[in-house]
Amino acid sequence: MVILAGIMCLIFLCGSIVVLSSFPVKLHEKSGFVRKKSEKKDAFSYLFDVYG
């Protein structure tokens, strides 16, 4: 029973991480992928600034 509860907690933890990490991705996709340098950066731009 303890093993089953542990597996359920692990599934819940992984699911909540996926759901919470999808919010910044959705917010970034709304603003579009192509932006000019002169535009104001959004709050999550540092998460997606890979080569900058």
PDB file of N, CA and C in Angstrom:
ATOM      1  N   MET A   1       0.824  -1.199   0.000  1.00  0.00           N
ATOM      2  CA  MET A   1       0.000   0.000   0.000  1.00  0.00           C
ATOM      3  C   MET A   1       0.869   1.264   0.000  1.00  0.00           C
ATOM      4  N   VAL A   2       1.978   1.211   0.730  1.00  0.00           N
ATOM      5  CA  VAL A   2       2.878   2.365   0.785  1.00  0.00           C
ATOM      6  C   VAL A   2       3.518   2.590  -0.580  1.00  0.00           C
ATOM      7  N   ILE A   3       3.840   1.503  -1.266  1.00  0.00           N
ATOM      8  CA  ILE A   3       4.442   1.619  -2.605  1.00  0.00           C
ATOM      9  C   ILE A   3       3.437   2.237  -3.574  1.00  0.00           C
ATOM     10  N   LEU A   4       2.196   1.831  -3.484  1.00  0.00           N
ATOM     11  CA  LEU A   4       1.154   2.387  -4.345  1.00  0.00           C
ATOM     12  C   LEU A   4       0.953   3.882  -4.081  1.00  0.00           C
ATOM     13  N   ALA A   5       0.967   4.271  -2.815  1.00  0.00           N
ATOM     14  CA  ALA A   5       0.834   5.687  -2.476  1.00  0.00           C
ATOM     15  C   ALA A   5       2.033   6.481  -2.982  1.00  0.00           C
ATOM     16  N   GLY A   6       3.218   5.904  -2.908  1.00  0.00           N
ATOM     17  CA  GLY A   6       4.419   6.562  -3.418  1.00  0.00           C
ATOM     18  C   GLY A   6       4.373   6.748  -4.921  1.00  0.00           C
ATOM     19  N   ILE A   7       3.891   5.741  -5.623  1.00  0.00           N
ATOM     20  CA  ILE A   7       3.765   5.842  -7.085  1.00  0.00           C
ATOM     21  C   ILE A   7       2.738   6.898  -7.457  1.00  0.00           C
ATOM     22  N   MET A   8       1.634   6.960  -6.730  1.00  0.00           N
ATOM     23  CA  MET A   8       0.615   7.974  -7.011  1.00  0.00           C
ATOM     24  C   MET A   8       1.146   9.381  -6.736  1.00  0.00           C
ATOM     25  N   CYS A   9       1.911   9.554  -5.672  1.00  0.00           N
ATOM     26  CA  CYS A   9       2.514  10.862  -5.377  1.00  0.00           C
ATOM     27  C   CYS A   9       3.507  11.250  -6.464  1.00  0.00           C
ATOM     28  N   LEU A  10       4.265  10.287  -6.960  1.00  0.00           N
ATOM     29  CA  LEU A  10       5.234  10.563  -8.023  1.00  0.00           C
ATOM     30  C   LEU A  10       4.527  10.971  -9.310  1.00  0.00           C
ATOM     31  N   ILE A  11       3.445  10.306  -9.644  1.00  0.00           N
ATOM     32  CA  ILE A  11       2.669  10.659 -10.837  1.00  0.00           C
ATOM     33  C   ILE A  11       2.064  12.046 -10.673  1.00  0.00           C
ATOM     34  N   PHE A  12       1.538  12.348  -9.498  1.00  0.00           N
ATOM     35  CA  PHE A  12       0.964  13.669  -9.251  1.00  0.00           C
ATOM     36  C   PHE A  12       2.034  14.751  -9.325  1.00  0.00           C
ATOM     37  N   LEU A  13       3.204  14.484  -8.789  1.00  0.00           N
ATOM     38  CA  LEU A  13       4.290  15.457  -8.824  1.00  0.00           C
ATOM     39  C   LEU A  13       4.731  15.731 -10.258  1.00  0.00           C
ATOM     40  N   CYS A  14       4.909  14.690 -11.053  1.00  0.00           N
ATOM     41  CA  CYS A  14       5.320  14.870 -12.451  1.00  0.00           C
ATOM     42  C   CYS A  14       4.238  15.584 -13.257  1.00  0.00           C
ATOM     43  N   GLY A  15       3.012  15.259 -13.025  1.00  0.00           N
ATOM     44  CA  GLY A  15       1.916  15.920 -13.733  1.00  0.00           C
ATOM     45  C   GLY A  15       1.815  17.389 -13.392  1.00  0.00           C
ATOM     46  N   SER A  16       2.005  17.725 -12.126  1.00  0.00           N
ATOM     47  CA  SER A  16       1.924  19.133 -11.745  1.00  0.00           C
ATOM     48  C   SER A  16       3.103  19.927 -12.302  1.00  0.00           C
ATOM     49  N   ILE A  17       4.269  19.317 -12.413  1.00  0.00           N
ATOM     50  CA  ILE A  17       5.415  19.996 -13.019  1.00  0.00           C
ATOM     51  C   ILE A  17       5.136  20.285 -14.491  1.00  0.00           C
ATOM     52  N   VAL A  18       4.563  19.338 -15.196  1.00  0.00           N
ATOM     53  CA  VAL A  18       4.250  19.534 -16.616  1.00  0.00           C
ATOM     54  C   VAL A  18       3.209  20.634 -16.793  1.00  0.00           C
ATOM     55  N   VAL A  19       2.186  20.623 -15.964  1.00  0.00           N
ATOM     56  CA  VAL A  19       1.133  21.635 -16.075  1.00  0.00           C
ATOM     57  C   VAL A  19       1.674  23.022 -15.750  1.00  0.00           C
ATOM     58  N   LEU A  20       2.438  23.145 -14.678  1.00  0.00           N
ATOM     59  CA  LEU A  20       2.959  24.452 -14.291  1.00  0.00           C
ATOM     60  C   LEU A  20       3.997  24.972 -15.279  1.00  0.00           C
ATOM     61  N   SER A  21       4.745  24.092 -15.909  1.00  0.00           N
ATOM     62  CA  SER A  21       5.732  24.559 -16.883  1.00  0.00           C
ATOM     63  C   SER A  21       5.093  24.898 -18.224  1.00  0.00           C
ATOM     64  N   SER A  22       3.868  24.483 -18.460  1.00  0.00           N
ATOM     65  CA  SER A  22       3.211  24.814 -19.722  1.00  0.00           C
ATOM     66  C   SER A  22       2.699  26.249 -19.741  1.00  0.00           C
ATOM     67  N   PHE A  23       2.489  26.864 -18.573  1.00  0.00           N
ATOM     68  CA  PHE A  23       1.998  28.240 -18.535  1.00  0.00           C
ATOM     69  C   PHE A  23       2.970  29.235 -19.169  1.00  0.00           C
ATOM     70  N   PRO A  24       4.264  29.238 -18.827  1.00  0.00           N
ATOM     71  CA  PRO A  24       5.167  30.182 -19.494  1.00  0.00           C
ATOM     72  C   PRO A  24       5.292  29.934 -20.992  1.00  0.00           C
ATOM     73  N   VAL A  25       5.202  28.674 -21.406  1.00  0.00           N
ATOM     74  CA  VAL A  25       5.294  28.360 -22.829  1.00  0.00           C
ATOM     75  C   VAL A  25       4.095  28.933 -23.571  1.00  0.00           C
ATOM     76  N   LYS A  26       2.902  28.801 -23.005  1.00  0.00           N
ATOM     77  CA  LYS A  26       1.711  29.356 -23.651  1.00  0.00           C
ATOM     78  C   LYS A  26       1.767  30.876 -23.711  1.00  0.00           C
ATOM     79  N   LEU A  27       2.259  31.493 -22.647  1.00  0.00           N
ATOM     80  CA  LEU A  27       2.359  32.951 -22.637  1.00  0.00           C
ATOM     81  C   LEU A  27       3.376  33.433 -23.662  1.00  0.00           C
ATOM     82  N   HIS A  28       4.445  32.676 -23.861  1.00  0.00           N
ATOM     83  CA  HIS A  28       5.457  33.061 -24.836  1.00  0.00           C
ATOM     84  C   HIS A  28       4.943  32.873 -26.261  1.00  0.00           C
ATOM     85  N   GLU A  29       4.160  31.828 -26.495  1.00  0.00           N
ATOM     86  CA  GLU A  29       3.635  31.573 -27.837  1.00  0.00           C
ATOM     87  C   GLU A  29       2.597  32.616 -28.234  1.00  0.00           C
ATOM     88  N   LYS A  30       1.898  33.206 -27.282  1.00  0.00           N
ATOM     89  CA  LYS A  30       0.903  34.228 -27.614  1.00  0.00           C
ATOM     90  C   LYS A  30       1.560  35.461 -28.218  1.00  0.00           C
ATOM     91  N   SER A  31       2.736  35.815 -27.726  1.00  0.00           N
ATOM     92  CA  SER A  31       3.385  37.024 -28.217  1.00  0.00           C
ATOM     93  C   SER A  31       4.077  36.797 -29.550  1.00  0.00           C
ATOM     94  N   GLY A  32       4.243  35.564 -29.956  1.00  0.00           N
ATOM     95  CA  GLY A  32       4.846  35.271 -31.249  1.00  0.00           C
ATOM     96  C   GLY A  32       6.326  34.982 -31.132  1.00  0.00           C
ATOM     97  N   PHE A  33       6.846  34.300 -32.156  1.00  0.00           N
ATOM     98  CA  PHE A  33       8.246  33.905 -32.127  1.00  0.00           C
ATOM     99  C   PHE A  33       9.146  34.969 -32.734  1.00  0.00           C
ATOM    100  N   VAL A  34       8.632  35.763 -33.671  1.00  0.00           N
ATOM    101  CA  VAL A  34       9.452  36.771 -34.339  1.00  0.00           C
ATOM    102  C   VAL A  34       9.154  38.118 -33.710  1.00  0.00           C
ATOM    103  N   ARG A  35      10.166  38.691 -33.081  1.00  0.00           N
ATOM    104  CA  ARG A  35      10.018  40.001 -32.462  1.00  0.00           C
ATOM    105  C   ARG A  35      11.215  40.855 -32.826  1.00  0.00           C
ATOM    106  N   LYS A  36      10.987  42.145 -32.916  1.00  0.00           N
ATOM    107  CA  LYS A  36      12.085  43.058 -33.186  1.00  0.00           C
ATOM    108  C   LYS A  36      12.836  43.321 -31.887  1.00  0.00           C
ATOM    109  N   LYS A  37      14.102  43.730 -32.025  1.00  0.00           N
ATOM    110  CA  LYS A  37      14.916  43.997 -30.845  1.00  0.00           C
ATOM    111  C   LYS A  37      14.426  45.218 -30.074  1.00  0.00           C
ATOM    112  N   SER A  38      13.767  46.149 -30.754  1.00  0.00           N
ATOM    113  CA  SER A  38      13.331  47.381 -30.100  1.00  0.00           C
ATOM    114  C   SER A  38      12.076  47.194 -29.257  1.00  0.00           C
ATOM    115  N   GLU A  39      11.381  46.059 -29.438  1.00  0.00           N
ATOM    116  CA  GLU A  39      10.159  45.826 -28.674  1.00  0.00           C
ATOM    117  C   GLU A  39      10.502  45.491 -27.225  1.00  0.00           C
ATOM    118  N   LYS A  40       9.569  45.756 -26.348  1.00  0.00           N
ATOM    119  CA  LYS A  40       9.749  45.455 -24.938  1.00  0.00           C
ATOM    120  C   LYS A  40       9.734  43.943 -24.724  1.00  0.00           C
ATOM    121  N   LYS A  41      10.652  43.452 -23.907  1.00  0.00           N
ATOM    122  CA  LYS A  41      10.708  42.016 -23.640  1.00  0.00           C
ATOM    123  C   LYS A  41       9.646  41.640 -22.621  1.00  0.00           C
ATOM    124  N   ASP A  42       9.097  40.440 -22.775  1.00  0.00           N
ATOM    125  CA  ASP A  42       8.105  39.989 -21.825  1.00  0.00           C
ATOM    126  C   ASP A  42       8.788  39.396 -20.595  1.00  0.00           C
ATOM    127  N   ALA A  43       7.999  39.031 -19.617  1.00  0.00           N
ATOM    128  CA  ALA A  43       8.534  38.574 -18.340  1.00  0.00           C
ATOM    129  C   ALA A  43       9.255  37.234 -18.448  1.00  0.00           C
ATOM    130  N   PHE A  44       8.932  36.416 -19.445  1.00  0.00           N
ATOM    131  CA  PHE A  44       9.505  35.088 -19.554  1.00  0.00           C
ATOM    132  C   PHE A  44      10.527  34.977 -20.681  1.00  0.00           C
ATOM    133  N   SER A  45      10.991  36.089 -21.215  1.00  0.00           N
ATOM    134  CA  SER A  45      11.906  36.038 -22.353  1.00  0.00           C
ATOM    135  C   SER A  45      13.247  35.417 -21.991  1.00  0.00           C
ATOM    136  N   TYR A  46      13.662  35.551 -20.737  1.00  0.00           N
ATOM    137  CA  TYR A  46      14.941  34.966 -20.342  1.00  0.00           C
ATOM    138  C   TYR A  46      14.903  33.441 -20.353  1.00  0.00           C
ATOM    139  N   LEU A  47      13.723  32.844 -20.250  1.00  0.00           N
ATOM    140  CA  LEU A  47      13.621  31.393 -20.304  1.00  0.00           C
ATOM    141  C   LEU A  47      13.858  30.846 -21.700  1.00  0.00           C
ATOM    142  N   PHE A  48      13.554  31.662 -22.721  1.00  0.00           N
ATOM    143  CA  PHE A  48      13.625  31.202 -24.095  1.00  0.00           C
ATOM    144  C   PHE A  48      14.796  31.819 -24.849  1.00  0.00           C
ATOM    145  N   ASP A  49      15.643  32.569 -24.163  1.00  0.00           N
ATOM    146  CA  ASP A  49      16.800  33.193 -24.778  1.00  0.00           C
ATOM    147  C   ASP A  49      17.971  32.208 -24.746  1.00  0.00           C
ATOM    148  N   VAL A  50      18.030  31.330 -25.745  1.00  0.00           N
ATOM    149  CA  VAL A  50      19.005  30.247 -25.738  1.00  0.00           C
ATOM    150  C   VAL A  50      20.349  30.726 -26.287  1.00  0.00           C
ATOM    151  N   TYR A  51      20.346  31.434 -27.388  1.00  0.00           N
ATOM    152  CA  TYR A  51      21.594  31.802 -28.046  1.00  0.00           C
ATOM    153  C   TYR A  51      21.987  33.260 -27.810  1.00  0.00           C
ATOM    154  N   GLY A  52      21.240  33.979 -26.980  1.00  0.00           N
ATOM    155  CA  GLY A  52      21.477  35.401 -26.810  1.00  0.00           C
ATOM    156  C   GLY A  52      22.403  35.757 -25.740  1.00  0.00           C
TER     157      GLY A  52
END
